[in-house]
């Protein structure tokens, strides 16, 4: 059995002034404002989304 890891994702910067794709990705991750924290299962899809907005978020495993 594989161990399901969760990722804590915290928004550290505002998406104002960045591309629409970055803003949409933050919304898809469930982030709404600065210092908002959400938890997601670790998956390739979530990792790909984090690569798009790596400069706006902080990730803890």
N, C-alpha and C. Protein backbone atom coordinates (compact mmCIF):
# COMPACT_ATOMS: atom_id res chain seq x y z
N UNK A 1 0.83 -1.19 0.00
CA UNK A 1 0.00 0.00 0.00
C UNK A 1 0.86 1.25 0.00
N UNK A 2 0.55 2.14 -0.88
CA UNK A 2 1.28 3.39 -0.92
C UNK A 2 0.75 4.34 0.14
N UNK A 3 1.64 5.07 0.74
CA UNK A 3 1.25 6.04 1.77
C UNK A 3 0.78 7.32 1.09
N UNK A 4 -0.42 7.78 1.45
CA UNK A 4 -0.95 9.01 0.86
C UNK A 4 -0.44 10.21 1.64
N UNK A 5 0.40 10.99 1.01
CA UNK A 5 0.92 12.20 1.64
C UNK A 5 0.02 13.38 1.32
N UNK A 6 -0.04 14.31 2.24
CA UNK A 6 -0.79 15.53 1.98
C UNK A 6 0.19 16.68 1.91
N UNK A 7 -0.18 17.67 1.14
CA UNK A 7 0.61 18.88 0.99
C UNK A 7 -0.14 20.05 1.59
N UNK A 8 0.54 20.85 2.40
CA UNK A 8 -0.04 22.09 2.90
C UNK A 8 0.45 23.19 1.97
N UNK A 9 -0.48 23.88 1.36
CA UNK A 9 -0.16 24.93 0.39
C UNK A 9 -0.62 26.26 0.95
N UNK A 10 0.30 27.21 1.04
CA UNK A 10 0.00 28.52 1.60
C UNK A 10 0.29 29.58 0.55
N UNK A 11 -0.68 30.46 0.31
CA UNK A 11 -0.48 31.56 -0.63
C UNK A 11 0.31 32.65 0.06
N UNK A 12 1.45 33.06 -0.54
CA UNK A 12 2.31 34.05 0.09
C UNK A 12 2.35 35.37 -0.68
N UNK A 13 1.85 35.39 -1.92
CA UNK A 13 1.83 36.62 -2.70
C UNK A 13 0.48 36.79 -3.38
N UNK A 14 0.16 38.02 -3.71
CA UNK A 14 -1.07 38.32 -4.41
C UNK A 14 -0.91 38.02 -5.90
N UNK A 15 -1.97 37.51 -6.54
CA UNK A 15 -1.89 37.24 -7.98
C UNK A 15 -2.09 38.48 -8.84
N UNK A 16 -2.30 39.63 -8.23
CA UNK A 16 -2.51 40.85 -9.00
C UNK A 16 -1.25 41.17 -9.80
N UNK A 17 -1.42 41.40 -11.09
CA UNK A 17 -0.31 41.73 -11.95
C UNK A 17 0.34 40.54 -12.62
N UNK A 18 -0.16 39.33 -12.33
CA UNK A 18 0.39 38.13 -12.96
C UNK A 18 -0.59 37.61 -14.01
N UNK A 19 -0.17 36.62 -14.76
CA UNK A 19 -0.98 36.10 -15.86
C UNK A 19 -2.27 35.47 -15.36
N UNK A 20 -3.26 35.47 -16.24
CA UNK A 20 -4.57 34.90 -15.92
C UNK A 20 -4.46 33.42 -15.57
N UNK A 21 -3.54 32.71 -16.20
CA UNK A 21 -3.35 31.29 -15.92
C UNK A 21 -2.95 31.07 -14.46
N UNK A 22 -2.11 31.95 -13.94
CA UNK A 22 -1.69 31.83 -12.53
C UNK A 22 -2.86 32.09 -11.60
N UNK A 23 -3.67 33.09 -11.92
CA UNK A 23 -4.84 33.40 -11.09
C UNK A 23 -5.83 32.22 -11.09
N UNK A 24 -6.06 31.66 -12.26
CA UNK A 24 -6.99 30.54 -12.38
C UNK A 24 -6.48 29.31 -11.62
N UNK A 25 -5.19 29.11 -11.64
CA UNK A 25 -4.61 27.97 -10.93
C UNK A 25 -4.77 28.12 -9.43
N UNK A 26 -4.60 29.33 -8.91
CA UNK A 26 -4.81 29.56 -7.48
C UNK A 26 -6.25 29.25 -7.08
N UNK A 27 -7.19 29.67 -7.91
CA UNK A 27 -8.60 29.40 -7.64
C UNK A 27 -8.86 27.89 -7.67
N UNK A 28 -8.26 27.20 -8.63
CA UNK A 28 -8.44 25.75 -8.74
C UNK A 28 -7.87 25.02 -7.53
N UNK A 29 -6.80 25.56 -6.95
CA UNK A 29 -6.22 24.97 -5.75
C UNK A 29 -7.05 25.30 -4.50
N UNK A 30 -7.94 26.26 -4.60
CA UNK A 30 -8.79 26.63 -3.47
C UNK A 30 -8.26 27.77 -2.64
N UNK A 31 -7.25 28.46 -3.15
CA UNK A 31 -6.66 29.59 -2.42
C UNK A 31 -7.41 30.87 -2.75
N UNK A 32 -7.71 31.65 -1.72
CA UNK A 32 -8.54 32.84 -1.92
C UNK A 32 -7.84 34.13 -1.60
N UNK A 33 -6.95 34.14 -0.61
CA UNK A 33 -6.26 35.37 -0.24
C UNK A 33 -4.91 35.03 0.38
N UNK A 34 -4.10 36.05 0.61
CA UNK A 34 -2.77 35.86 1.16
C UNK A 34 -2.87 35.22 2.55
N UNK A 35 -1.96 34.31 2.84
CA UNK A 35 -1.87 33.54 4.08
C UNK A 35 -2.97 32.49 4.23
N UNK A 36 -3.74 32.25 3.19
CA UNK A 36 -4.75 31.19 3.21
C UNK A 36 -4.04 29.86 2.99
N UNK A 37 -4.38 28.85 3.79
CA UNK A 37 -3.73 27.53 3.71
C UNK A 37 -4.77 26.48 3.35
N UNK A 38 -4.42 25.61 2.40
CA UNK A 38 -5.27 24.48 2.03
C UNK A 38 -4.42 23.22 2.04
N UNK A 39 -5.08 22.08 2.17
CA UNK A 39 -4.39 20.79 2.12
C UNK A 39 -4.93 19.99 0.95
N UNK A 40 -4.00 19.38 0.20
CA UNK A 40 -4.37 18.54 -0.94
C UNK A 40 -3.56 17.25 -0.88
N UNK A 41 -4.12 16.19 -1.42
CA UNK A 41 -3.38 14.94 -1.57
C UNK A 41 -2.25 15.17 -2.57
N UNK A 42 -1.11 14.55 -2.32
CA UNK A 42 0.04 14.66 -3.22
C UNK A 42 -0.24 13.83 -4.47
N UNK A 43 -0.31 14.49 -5.63
CA UNK A 43 -0.55 13.81 -6.89
C UNK A 43 0.18 14.57 -8.00
N UNK A 44 0.39 13.92 -9.13
CA UNK A 44 1.06 14.60 -10.24
C UNK A 44 0.29 15.84 -10.72
N UNK A 45 -1.05 15.78 -10.65
CA UNK A 45 -1.85 16.92 -11.09
C UNK A 45 -1.63 18.13 -10.20
N UNK A 46 -1.61 17.92 -8.89
CA UNK A 46 -1.40 19.01 -7.94
C UNK A 46 0.02 19.55 -8.08
N UNK A 47 0.99 18.64 -8.25
CA UNK A 47 2.39 19.08 -8.42
C UNK A 47 2.54 19.95 -9.66
N UNK A 48 1.84 19.60 -10.74
CA UNK A 48 1.88 20.41 -11.96
C UNK A 48 1.30 21.79 -11.73
N UNK A 49 0.20 21.86 -10.98
CA UNK A 49 -0.40 23.16 -10.66
C UNK A 49 0.55 24.00 -9.82
N UNK A 50 1.26 23.35 -8.90
CA UNK A 50 2.20 24.07 -8.05
C UNK A 50 3.39 24.60 -8.86
N UNK A 51 3.79 23.88 -9.90
CA UNK A 51 4.87 24.37 -10.76
C UNK A 51 4.47 25.64 -11.48
N UNK A 52 3.19 25.78 -11.81
CA UNK A 52 2.71 26.97 -12.52
C UNK A 52 2.75 28.20 -11.61
N UNK A 53 2.45 28.02 -10.31
CA UNK A 53 2.36 29.16 -9.39
C UNK A 53 3.39 29.08 -8.27
N UNK A 54 4.54 28.51 -8.55
CA UNK A 54 5.55 28.30 -7.51
C UNK A 54 6.02 29.60 -6.87
N UNK A 55 5.94 30.71 -7.59
CA UNK A 55 6.39 32.01 -7.07
C UNK A 55 5.31 32.69 -6.22
N UNK A 56 4.11 32.12 -6.14
CA UNK A 56 3.02 32.70 -5.36
C UNK A 56 2.68 31.89 -4.11
N UNK A 57 3.21 30.67 -4.01
CA UNK A 57 2.83 29.79 -2.91
C UNK A 57 4.06 29.21 -2.21
N UNK A 58 3.80 28.69 -0.99
CA UNK A 58 4.80 27.97 -0.22
C UNK A 58 4.20 26.60 0.09
N UNK A 59 5.00 25.54 -0.10
CA UNK A 59 4.49 24.18 0.07
C UNK A 59 5.23 23.48 1.19
N UNK A 60 4.48 22.81 2.06
CA UNK A 60 5.04 21.97 3.11
C UNK A 60 4.47 20.57 2.94
N UNK A 61 5.34 19.58 3.11
CA UNK A 61 4.86 18.19 2.99
C UNK A 61 4.43 17.64 4.32
